[in-house]
PDB file of N, CA and C in Angstrom:
ATOM      1  N   MET A   1      32.225  -6.334   8.124  1.00  0.00           N
ATOM      2  CA  MET A   1      31.923  -5.761   6.823  1.00  0.00           C
ATOM      3  C   MET A   1      30.770  -6.517   6.155  1.00  0.00           C
ATOM      4  N   ASN A   2      30.788  -7.825   6.226  1.00  0.00           N
ATOM      5  CA  ASN A   2      29.730  -8.613   5.605  1.00  0.00           C
ATOM      6  C   ASN A   2      28.391  -8.400   6.306  1.00  0.00           C
ATOM      7  N   ARG A   3      28.416  -8.279   7.637  1.00  0.00           N
ATOM      8  CA  ARG A   3      27.176  -8.051   8.370  1.00  0.00           C
ATOM      9  C   ARG A   3      26.578  -6.691   8.031  1.00  0.00           C
ATOM     10  N   THR A   4      27.418  -5.688   7.896  1.00  0.00           N
ATOM     11  CA  THR A   4      26.947  -4.353   7.542  1.00  0.00           C
ATOM     12  C   THR A   4      26.314  -4.370   6.163  1.00  0.00           C
ATOM     13  N   PHE A   5      26.981  -5.009   5.220  1.00  0.00           N
ATOM     14  CA  PHE A   5      26.445  -5.103   3.857  1.00  0.00           C
ATOM     15  C   PHE A   5      25.129  -5.872   3.842  1.00  0.00           C
ATOM     16  N   LEU A   6      25.069  -6.979   4.556  1.00  0.00           N
ATOM     17  CA  LEU A   6      23.857  -7.784   4.610  1.00  0.00           C
ATOM     18  C   LEU A   6      22.710  -7.011   5.245  1.00  0.00           C
ATOM     19  N   SER A   7      22.978  -6.291   6.314  1.00  0.00           N
ATOM     20  CA  SER A   7      21.951  -5.476   6.962  1.00  0.00           C
ATOM     21  C   SER A   7      21.432  -4.385   6.033  1.00  0.00           C
ATOM     22  N   ALA A   8      22.342  -3.714   5.354  1.00  0.00           N
ATOM     23  CA  ALA A   8      21.945  -2.671   4.407  1.00  0.00           C
ATOM     24  C   ALA A   8      21.136  -3.255   3.255  1.00  0.00           C
ATOM     25  N   ALA A   9      21.532  -4.403   2.755  1.00  0.00           N
ATOM     26  CA  ALA A   9      20.809  -5.052   1.661  1.00  0.00           C
ATOM     27  C   ALA A   9      19.398  -5.457   2.093  1.00  0.00           C
ATOM     28  N   LEU A  10      19.256  -5.963   3.307  1.00  0.00           N
ATOM     29  CA  LEU A  10      17.933  -6.334   3.813  1.00  0.00           C
ATOM     30  C   LEU A  10      17.037  -5.114   3.982  1.00  0.00           C
ATOM     31  N   CYS A  11      17.597  -4.015   4.451  1.00  0.00           N
ATOM     32  CA  CYS A  11      16.822  -2.777   4.605  1.00  0.00           C
ATOM     33  C   CYS A  11      16.347  -2.255   3.247  1.00  0.00           C
ATOM     34  N   VAL A  12      17.228  -2.237   2.275  1.00  0.00           N
ATOM     35  CA  VAL A  12      16.864  -1.774   0.932  1.00  0.00           C
ATOM     36  C   VAL A  12      15.810  -2.687   0.318  1.00  0.00           C
ATOM     37  N   ALA A  13      15.977  -3.990   0.482  1.00  0.00           N
ATOM     38  CA  ALA A  13      14.995  -4.946  -0.052  1.00  0.00           C
ATOM     39  C   ALA A  13      13.633  -4.758   0.609  1.00  0.00           C
ATOM     40  N   SER A  14      13.601  -4.537   1.909  1.00  0.00           N
ATOM     41  CA  SER A  14      12.334  -4.323   2.614  1.00  0.00           C
ATOM     42  C   SER A  14      11.631  -3.068   2.124  1.00  0.00           C
ATOM     43  N   LEU A  15      12.376  -1.982   1.955  1.00  0.00           N
ATOM     44  CA  LEU A  15      11.778  -0.744   1.477  1.00  0.00           C
ATOM     45  C   LEU A  15      11.298  -0.876   0.040  1.00  0.00           C
ATOM     46  N   THR A  16      12.034  -1.596  -0.782  1.00  0.00           N
ATOM     47  CA  THR A  16      11.633  -1.796  -2.167  1.00  0.00           C
ATOM     48  C   THR A  16      10.364  -2.636  -2.246  1.00  0.00           C
ATOM     49  N   LEU A  17      10.313  -3.716  -1.498  1.00  0.00           N
ATOM     50  CA  LEU A  17       9.127  -4.568  -1.514  1.00  0.00           C
ATOM     51  C   LEU A  17       7.920  -3.872  -0.898  1.00  0.00           C
ATOM     52  N   ALA A  18       8.158  -2.976   0.026  1.00  0.00           N
ATOM     53  CA  ALA A  18       7.052  -2.252   0.651  1.00  0.00           C
ATOM     54  C   ALA A  18       6.405  -1.285  -0.317  1.00  0.00           C
ATOM     55  N   GLY A  19       7.088  -0.906  -1.358  1.00  0.00           N
ATOM     56  CA  GLY A  19       6.569   0.069  -2.305  1.00  0.00           C
ATOM     57  C   GLY A  19       5.864  -0.535  -3.489  1.00  0.00           C
ATOM     58  N   CYS A  20       5.418  -1.761  -3.394  1.00  0.00           N
ATOM     59  CA  CYS A  20       4.789  -2.374  -4.552  1.00  0.00           C
ATOM     60  C   CYS A  20       3.304  -2.048  -4.597  1.00  0.00           C
ATOM     61  N   SER A  21       2.765  -2.142  -5.777  1.00  0.00           N
ATOM     62  CA  SER A  21       1.330  -1.993  -5.980  1.00  0.00           C
ATOM     63  C   SER A  21       0.951  -2.857  -7.170  1.00  0.00           C
ATOM     64  N   GLY A  22      -0.281  -3.280  -7.209  1.00  0.00           N
ATOM     65  CA  GLY A  22      -0.705  -4.129  -8.301  1.00  0.00           C
ATOM     66  C   GLY A  22      -2.190  -4.401  -8.258  1.00  0.00           C
ATOM     67  N   MET A  23      -2.611  -5.281  -9.156  1.00  0.00           N
ATOM     68  CA  MET A  23      -4.026  -5.590  -9.247  1.00  0.00           C
ATOM     69  C   MET A  23      -4.215  -7.014  -9.731  1.00  0.00           C
ATOM     70  N   ARG A  24      -5.429  -7.495  -9.523  1.00  0.00           N
ATOM     71  CA  ARG A  24      -5.808  -8.828  -9.973  1.00  0.00           C
ATOM     72  C   ARG A  24      -7.259  -8.765 -10.404  1.00  0.00           C
ATOM     73  N   GLN A  25      -7.572  -9.471 -11.490  1.00  0.00           N
ATOM     74  CA  GLN A  25      -8.921  -9.459 -12.020  1.00  0.00           C
ATOM     75  C   GLN A  25      -9.311 -10.875 -12.424  1.00  0.00           C
ATOM     76  N   ALA A  26     -10.495 -11.317 -12.001  1.00  0.00           N
ATOM     77  CA  ALA A  26     -11.001 -12.636 -12.372  1.00  0.00           C
ATOM     78  C   ALA A  26     -12.508 -12.684 -12.157  1.00  0.00           C
ATOM     79  N   ASP A  27     -13.212 -13.298 -13.096  1.00  0.00           N
ATOM     80  CA  ASP A  27     -14.654 -13.550 -12.981  1.00  0.00           C
ATOM     81  C   ASP A  27     -15.464 -12.303 -12.649  1.00  0.00           C
ATOM     82  N   GLY A  28     -15.155 -11.189 -13.276  1.00  0.00           N
ATOM     83  CA  GLY A  28     -15.916  -9.963 -13.070  1.00  0.00           C
ATOM     84  C   GLY A  28     -15.612  -9.227 -11.783  1.00  0.00           C
ATOM     85  N   MET A  29     -14.627  -9.682 -11.041  1.00  0.00           N
ATOM     86  CA  MET A  29     -14.227  -9.026  -9.798  1.00  0.00           C
ATOM     87  C   MET A  29     -12.776  -8.560  -9.936  1.00  0.00           C
ATOM     88  N   TYR A  30     -12.401  -7.554  -9.161  1.00  0.00           N
ATOM     89  CA  TYR A  30     -11.020  -7.077  -9.177  1.00  0.00           C
ATOM     90  C   TYR A  30     -10.571  -6.701  -7.768  1.00  0.00           C
ATOM     91  N   THR A  31      -9.272  -6.703  -7.584  1.00  0.00           N
ATOM     92  CA  THR A  31      -8.652  -6.236  -6.352  1.00  0.00           C
ATOM     93  C   THR A  31      -7.426  -5.418  -6.717  1.00  0.00           C
ATOM     94  N   VAL A  32      -7.317  -4.245  -6.137  1.00  0.00           N
ATOM     95  CA  VAL A  32      -6.181  -3.350  -6.336  1.00  0.00           C
ATOM     96  C   VAL A  32      -5.517  -3.177  -4.971  1.00  0.00           C
ATOM     97  N   HIS A  33      -4.182  -3.234  -4.933  1.00  0.00           N
ATOM     98  CA  HIS A  33      -3.487  -3.065  -3.657  1.00  0.00           C
ATOM     99  C   HIS A  33      -2.255  -2.196  -3.838  1.00  0.00           C
ATOM    100  N   ALA A  34      -1.851  -1.552  -2.760  1.00  0.00           N
ATOM    101  CA  ALA A  34      -0.616  -0.760  -2.726  1.00  0.00           C
ATOM    102  C   ALA A  34      -0.077  -0.776  -1.303  1.00  0.00           C
ATOM    103  N   GLU A  35       1.232  -0.805  -1.187  1.00  0.00           N
ATOM    104  CA  GLU A  35       1.886  -0.811   0.120  1.00  0.00           C
ATOM    105  C   GLU A  35       2.953   0.273   0.177  1.00  0.00           C
ATOM    106  N   SER A  36       3.267   0.699   1.386  1.00  0.00           N
ATOM    107  CA  SER A  36       4.352   1.654   1.596  1.00  0.00           C
ATOM    108  C   SER A  36       4.908   1.456   2.998  1.00  0.00           C
ATOM    109  N   PHE A  37       6.073   2.009   3.221  1.00  0.00           N
ATOM    110  CA  PHE A  37       6.711   1.995   4.534  1.00  0.00           C
ATOM    111  C   PHE A  37       6.679   3.416   5.058  1.00  0.00           C
ATOM    112  N   ARG A  38       6.261   3.593   6.286  1.00  0.00           N
ATOM    113  CA  ARG A  38       6.220   4.935   6.882  1.00  0.00           C
ATOM    114  C   ARG A  38       7.264   5.044   7.980  1.00  0.00           C
ATOM    115  N   PHE A  39       8.006   6.137   7.907  1.00  0.00           N
ATOM    116  CA  PHE A  39       9.020   6.443   8.899  1.00  0.00           C
ATOM    117  C   PHE A  39       8.810   7.886   9.314  1.00  0.00           C
ATOM    118  N   PHE A  40       8.312   8.105  10.539  1.00  0.00           N
ATOM    119  CA  PHE A  40       7.945   9.425  11.043  1.00  0.00           C
ATOM    120  C   PHE A  40       7.063  10.174  10.054  1.00  0.00           C
ATOM    121  N   SER A  41       6.005   9.494   9.616  1.00  0.00           N
ATOM    122  CA  SER A  41       4.955  10.023   8.742  1.00  0.00           C
ATOM    123  C   SER A  41       5.387  10.250   7.299  1.00  0.00           C
ATOM    124  N   ILE A  42       6.590   9.891   6.930  1.00  0.00           N
ATOM    125  CA  ILE A  42       7.037  10.011   5.541  1.00  0.00           C
ATOM    126  C   ILE A  42       6.789   8.677   4.854  1.00  0.00           C
ATOM    127  N   ALA A  43       5.961   8.689   3.807  1.00  0.00           N
ATOM    128  CA  ALA A  43       5.639   7.473   3.077  1.00  0.00           C
ATOM    129  C   ALA A  43       6.734   7.183   2.058  1.00  0.00           C
ATOM    130  N   ILE A  44       7.337   6.005   2.163  1.00  0.00           N
ATOM    131  CA  ILE A  44       8.418   5.610   1.264  1.00  0.00           C
ATOM    132  C   ILE A  44       7.939   4.417   0.467  1.00  0.00           C
ATOM    133  N   PRO A  45       7.916   4.389  -0.802  1.00  0.00           N
ATOM    134  CA  PRO A  45       8.274   5.419  -1.775  1.00  0.00           C
ATOM    135  C   PRO A  45       7.119   6.336  -2.138  1.00  0.00           C
ATOM    136  N   HIS A  46       5.872   5.982  -1.766  1.00  0.00           N
ATOM    137  CA  HIS A  46       4.729   6.819  -2.102  1.00  0.00           C
ATOM    138  C   HIS A  46       3.596   6.546  -1.115  1.00  0.00           C
ATOM    139  N   ASP A  47       2.563   7.351  -1.174  1.00  0.00           N
ATOM    140  CA  ASP A  47       1.390   7.158  -0.324  1.00  0.00           C
ATOM    141  C   ASP A  47       0.586   5.981  -0.862  1.00  0.00           C
ATOM    142  N   ASP A  48       0.387   4.965  -0.049  1.00  0.00           N
ATOM    143  CA  ASP A  48      -0.282   3.750  -0.507  1.00  0.00           C
ATOM    144  C   ASP A  48      -1.737   3.999  -0.886  1.00  0.00           C
ATOM    145  N   GLN A  49      -2.431   4.859  -0.165  1.00  0.00           N
ATOM    146  CA  GLN A  49      -3.835   5.121  -0.465  1.00  0.00           C
ATOM    147  C   GLN A  49      -3.979   5.827  -1.815  1.00  0.00           C
ATOM    148  N   ALA A  50      -3.131   6.799  -2.084  1.00  0.00           N
ATOM    149  CA  ALA A  50      -3.176   7.502  -3.361  1.00  0.00           C
ATOM    150  C   ALA A  50      -2.801   6.573  -4.518  1.00  0.00           C
ATOM    151  N   ALA A  51      -1.823   5.704  -4.304  1.00  0.00           N
ATOM    152  CA  ALA A  51      -1.407   4.770  -5.356  1.00  0.00           C
ATOM    153  C   ALA A  51      -2.515   3.779  -5.689  1.00  0.00           C
ATOM    154  N   ALA A  52      -3.203   3.257  -4.680  1.00  0.00           N
ATOM    155  CA  ALA A  52      -4.309   2.316  -4.917  1.00  0.00           C
ATOM    156  C   ALA A  52      -5.470   3.016  -5.615  1.00  0.00           C
ATOM    157  N   ALA A  53      -5.784   4.233  -5.199  1.00  0.00           N
ATOM    158  CA  ALA A  53      -6.869   4.989  -5.830  1.00  0.00           C
ATOM    159  C   ALA A  53      -6.541   5.293  -7.295  1.00  0.00           C
ATOM    160  N   LYS A  54      -5.281   5.602  -7.586  1.00  0.00           N
ATOM    161  CA  LYS A  54      -4.862   5.877  -8.957  1.00  0.00           C
ATOM    162  C   LYS A  54      -4.982   4.626  -9.821  1.00  0.00           C
ATOM    163  N   LEU A  55      -4.526   3.475  -9.327  1.00  0.00           N
ATOM    164  CA  LEU A  55      -4.664   2.221 -10.068  1.00  0.00           C
ATOM    165  C   LEU A  55      -6.131   1.895 -10.306  1.00  0.00           C
ATOM    166  N   ASN A  56      -6.967   2.096  -9.304  1.00  0.00           N
ATOM    167  CA  ASN A  56      -8.392   1.831  -9.439  1.00  0.00           C
ATOM    168  C   ASN A  56      -9.003   2.709 -10.528  1.00  0.00           C
ATOM    169  N   ALA A  57      -8.676   3.995 -10.530  1.00  0.00           N
ATOM    170  CA  ALA A  57      -9.222   4.928 -11.516  1.00  0.00           C
ATOM    171  C   ALA A  57      -8.708   4.639 -12.924  1.00  0.00           C
ATOM    172  N   GLU A  58      -7.447   4.241 -13.047  1.00  0.00           N
ATOM    173  CA  GLU A  58      -6.865   3.976 -14.359  1.00  0.00           C
ATOM    174  C   GLU A  58      -7.413   2.711 -15.008  1.00  0.00           C
ATOM    175  N   HIS A  59      -7.566   1.653 -14.237  1.00  0.00           N
ATOM    176  CA  HIS A  59      -7.896   0.357 -14.818  1.00  0.00           C
ATOM    177  C   HIS A  59      -9.352  -0.056 -14.661  1.00  0.00           C
ATOM    178  N   PHE A  60     -10.046   0.472 -13.663  1.00  0.00           N
ATOM    179  CA  PHE A  60     -11.421   0.055 -13.405  1.00  0.00           C
ATOM    180  C   PHE A  60     -12.319   1.266 -13.189  1.00  0.00           C
ATOM    181  N   ALA A  61     -12.256   2.227 -14.110  1.00  0.00           N
ATOM    182  CA  ALA A  61     -13.035   3.461 -13.975  1.00  0.00           C
ATOM    183  C   ALA A  61     -14.536   3.184 -13.997  1.00  0.00           C
ATOM    184  N   LYS A  62     -14.965   2.171 -14.732  1.00  0.00           N
ATOM    185  CA  LYS A  62     -16.392   1.838 -14.806  1.00  0.00           C
ATOM    186  C   LYS A  62     -16.792   0.800 -13.765  1.00  0.00           C
ATOM    187  N   GLY A  63     -15.864   0.395 -12.944  1.00  0.00           N
ATOM    188  CA  GLY A  63     -16.142  -0.611 -11.933  1.00  0.00           C
ATOM    189  C   GLY A  63     -16.880  -0.044 -10.729  1.00  0.00           C
ATOM    190  N   THR A  64     -17.403  -0.945  -9.925  1.00  0.00           N
ATOM    191  CA  THR A  64     -18.116  -0.575  -8.701  1.00  0.00           C
ATOM    192  C   THR A  64     -17.301  -1.051  -7.504  1.00  0.00           C
ATOM    193  N   VAL A  65     -16.921  -0.139  -6.637  1.00  0.00           N
ATOM    194  CA  VAL A  65     -16.152  -0.495  -5.448  1.00  0.00           C
ATOM    195  C   VAL A  65     -17.089  -1.182  -4.449  1.00  0.00           C
ATOM    196  N   VAL A  66     -16.672  -2.358  -3.981  1.00  0.00           N
ATOM    197  CA  VAL A  66     -17.450  -3.107  -2.996  1.00  0.00           C
ATOM    198  C   VAL A  66     -16.837  -2.952  -1.609  1.00  0.00           C
ATOM    199  N   THR A  67     -15.515  -3.137  -1.505  1.00  0.00           N
ATOM    200  CA  THR A  67     -14.835  -2.971  -0.219  1.00  0.00           C
ATOM    201  C   THR A  67     -13.566  -2.151  -0.398  1.00  0.00           C
ATOM    202  N   SER A  68     -13.190  -1.480   0.667  1.00  0.00           N
ATOM    203  CA  SER A  68     -11.963  -0.689   0.675  1.00  0.00           C
ATOM    204  C   SER A  68     -11.401  -0.719   2.092  1.00  0.00           C
ATOM    205  N   TYR A  69     -10.098  -0.962   2.205  1.00  0.00           N
ATOM    206  CA  TYR A  69      -9.453  -0.976   3.523  1.00  0.00           C
ATOM    207  C   TYR A  69      -8.103  -0.300   3.419  1.00  0.00           C
ATOM    208  N   SER A  70      -7.787   0.513   4.396  1.00  0.00           N
ATOM    209  CA  SER A  70      -6.491   1.168   4.459  1.00  0.00           C
ATOM    210  C   SER A  70      -6.004   1.173   5.906  1.00  0.00           C
ATOM    211  N   THR A  71      -4.714   0.950   6.090  1.00  0.00           N
ATOM    212  CA  THR A  71      -4.109   0.983   7.413  1.00  0.00           C
ATOM    213  C   THR A  71      -4.218   2.391   7.989  1.00  0.00           C
ATOM    214  N   PRO A  72      -4.536   2.553   9.265  1.00  0.00           N
ATOM    215  CA  PRO A  72      -4.640   3.893   9.860  1.00  0.00           C
ATOM    216  C   PRO A  72      -3.321   4.671   9.722  1.00  0.00           C
ATOM    217  N   ALA A  73      -3.437   5.930   9.305  1.00  0.00           N
ATOM    218  CA  ALA A  73      -2.262   6.790   9.163  1.00  0.00           C
ATOM    219  C   ALA A  73      -2.527   8.152   9.788  1.00  0.00           C
ATOM    220  N   ASP A  74      -3.229   8.157  10.910  1.00  0.00           N
ATOM    221  CA  ASP A  74      -3.563   9.412  11.574  1.00  0.00           C
ATOM    222  C   ASP A  74      -2.710   9.604  12.823  1.00  0.00           C
ATOM    223  N   TRP A  75      -2.816  10.762  13.427  1.00  0.00           N
ATOM    224  CA  TRP A  75      -2.089  11.047  14.662  1.00  0.00           C
ATOM    225  C   TRP A  75      -3.033  11.127  15.845  1.00  0.00           C
ATOM    226  N   THR A  76      -4.264  10.594  15.706  1.00  0.00           N
ATOM    227  CA  THR A  76      -5.253  10.690  16.781  1.00  0.00           C
ATOM    228  C   THR A  76      -5.566   9.351  17.431  1.00  0.00           C
ATOM    229  N   SER A  77      -5.056   8.253  16.886  1.00  0.00           N
ATOM    230  CA  SER A  77      -5.306   6.948  17.480  1.00  0.00           C
ATOM    231  C   SER A  77      -3.978   6.256  17.792  1.00  0.00           C
ATOM    232  N   PHE A  78      -4.031   5.311  18.692  1.00  0.00           N
ATOM    233  CA  PHE A  78      -2.824   4.591  19.087  1.00  0.00           C
ATOM    234  C   PHE A  78      -2.176   3.898  17.886  1.00  0.00           C
ATOM    235  N   TRP A  79      -2.971   3.132  17.122  1.00  0.00           N
ATOM    236  CA  TRP A  79      -2.411   2.394  15.981  1.00  0.00           C
ATOM    237  C   TRP A  79      -1.950   3.334  14.872  1.00  0.00           C
ATOM    238  N   GLY A  80      -2.632   4.453  14.689  1.00  0.00           N
ATOM    239  CA  GLY A  80      -2.200   5.425  13.699  1.00  0.00           C
ATOM    240  C   GLY A  80      -0.855   6.038  14.049  1.00  0.00           C
ATOM    241  N   VAL A  81      -0.686   6.419  15.309  1.00  0.00           N
ATOM    242  CA  VAL A  81       0.588   7.001  15.763  1.00  0.00           C
ATOM    243  C   VAL A  81       1.708   5.971  15.660  1.00  0.00           C
ATOM    244  N   LEU A  82       1.446   4.769  16.147  1.00  0.00           N
ATOM    245  CA  LEU A  82       2.458   3.712  16.088  1.00  0.00           C
ATOM    246  C   LEU A  82       2.866   3.411  14.646  1.00  0.00           C
ATOM    247  N   GLY A  83       1.896   3.341  13.750  1.00  0.00           N
ATOM    248  CA  GLY A  83       2.191   3.086  12.339  1.00  0.00           C
ATOM    249  C   GLY A  83       2.905   4.229  11.655  1.00  0.00           C
ATOM    250  N   ASN A  84       2.605   5.467  12.068  1.00  0.00           N
ATOM    251  CA  ASN A  84       3.274   6.623  11.480  1.00  0.00           C
ATOM    252  C   ASN A  84       4.713   6.750  11.935  1.00  0.00           C
ATOM    253  N   ILE A  85       5.018   6.321  13.147  1.00  0.00           N
ATOM    254  CA  ILE A  85       6.398   6.392  13.628  1.00  0.00           C
ATOM    255  C   ILE A  85       7.272   5.433  12.834  1.00  0.00           C
ATOM    256  N   MET A  86       6.828   4.197  12.696  1.00  0.00           N
ATOM    257  CA  MET A  86       7.543   3.233  11.868  1.00  0.00           C
ATOM    258  C   MET A  86       6.634   2.038  11.620  1.00  0.00           C
ATOM    259  N   GLY A  87       6.267   1.834  10.375  1.00  0.00           N
ATOM    260  CA  GLY A  87       5.405   0.708  10.076  1.00  0.00           C
ATOM    261  C   GLY A  87       5.100   0.566   8.602  1.00  0.00           C
ATOM    262  N   PHE A  88       4.562  -0.580   8.257  1.00  0.00           N
ATOM    263  CA  PHE A  88       4.137  -0.848   6.891  1.00  0.00           C
ATOM    264  C   PHE A  88       2.657  -0.512   6.779  1.00  0.00           C
ATOM    265  N   HIS A  89       2.293   0.189   5.722  1.00  0.00           N
ATOM    266  CA  HIS A  89       0.912   0.568   5.485  1.00  0.00           C
ATOM    267  C   HIS A  89       0.443  -0.058   4.181  1.00  0.00           C
ATOM    268  N   SER A  90      -0.832  -0.399   4.120  1.00  0.00           N
ATOM    269  CA  SER A  90      -1.377  -0.974   2.891  1.00  0.00           C
ATOM    270  C   SER A  90      -2.793  -0.488   2.675  1.00  0.00           C
ATOM    271  N   THR A  91      -3.183  -0.490   1.411  1.00  0.00           N
ATOM    272  CA  THR A  91      -4.540  -0.154   1.008  1.00  0.00           C
ATOM    273  C   THR A  91      -4.997  -1.188   0.006  1.00  0.00           C
ATOM    274  N   VAL A  92      -6.221  -1.707   0.192  1.00  0.00           N
ATOM    275  CA  VAL A  92      -6.808  -2.691  -0.701  1.00  0.00           C
ATOM    276  C   VAL A  92      -8.185  -2.207  -1.107  1.00  0.00           C
ATOM    277  N   ILE A  93      -8.456  -2.197  -2.410  1.00  0.00           N
ATOM    278  CA  ILE A  93      -9.755  -1.821  -2.951  1.00  0.00           C
ATOM    279  C   ILE A  93     -10.242  -2.990  -3.796  1.00  0.00           C
ATOM    280  N   SER A  94     -11.450  -3.458  -3.523  1.00  0.00           N
ATOM    281  CA  SER A  94     -12.026  -4.577  -4.269  1.00  0.00           C
ATOM    282  C   SER A  94     -13.387  -4.178  -4.813  1.00  0.00           C
ATOM    283  N   GLY A  95     -13.770  -4.777  -5.945  1.00  0.00           N
ATOM    284  CA  GLY A  95     -15.073  -4.459  -6.505  1.00  0.00           C
ATOM    285  C   GLY A  95     -15.397  -5.289  -7.720  1.00  0.00           C
ATOM    286  N   LYS A  96     -16.448  -4.853  -8.424  1.00  0.00           N
ATOM    287  CA  LYS A  96     -16.909  -5.509  -9.650  1.00  0.00           C
ATOM    288  C   LYS A  96     -16.424  -4.698 -10.836  1.00  0.00           C
ATOM    289  N   THR A  97     -15.980  -5.379 -11.887  1.00  0.00           N
ATOM    290  CA  THR A  97     -15.368  -4.693 -13.028  1.00  0.00           C
ATOM    291  C   THR A  97     -16.335  -3.836 -13.812  1.00  0.00           C
ATOM    292  N   GLY A  98     -17.605  -4.158 -13.865  1.00  0.00           N
ATOM    293  CA  GLY A  98     -18.573  -3.344 -14.584  1.00  0.00           C
ATOM    294  C   GLY A  98     -18.602  -3.613 -16.071  1.00  0.00           C
ATOM    295  N   SER A  99     -17.929  -4.668 -16.514  1.00  0.00           N
ATOM    296  CA  SER A  99     -17.963  -4.966 -17.954  1.00  0.00           C
ATOM    297  C   SER A  99     -18.665  -6.261 -18.225  1.00  0.00           C
TER     298      SER A  99
END
């Protein structure tokens, strides 16, 4: 009973932590990030790329994007397929604040 509860708690904690998003700003630069867990192409709790883009638009609309990276989520590459079956996905957008 304790092992079942502990396993379930670890799974819930992993899925909750995988759904975080946030930002950091210092010295005229910013970084926005979002993560999600994918299970057979279903993003839990949300699509990480859309969440990062939304945070970027809300908080740094006048900013200039310098770099952007997102984990592959396609069905045409090995890493995309593997990540879509079961994996953690992340998106990071960095740039200059413009203020």
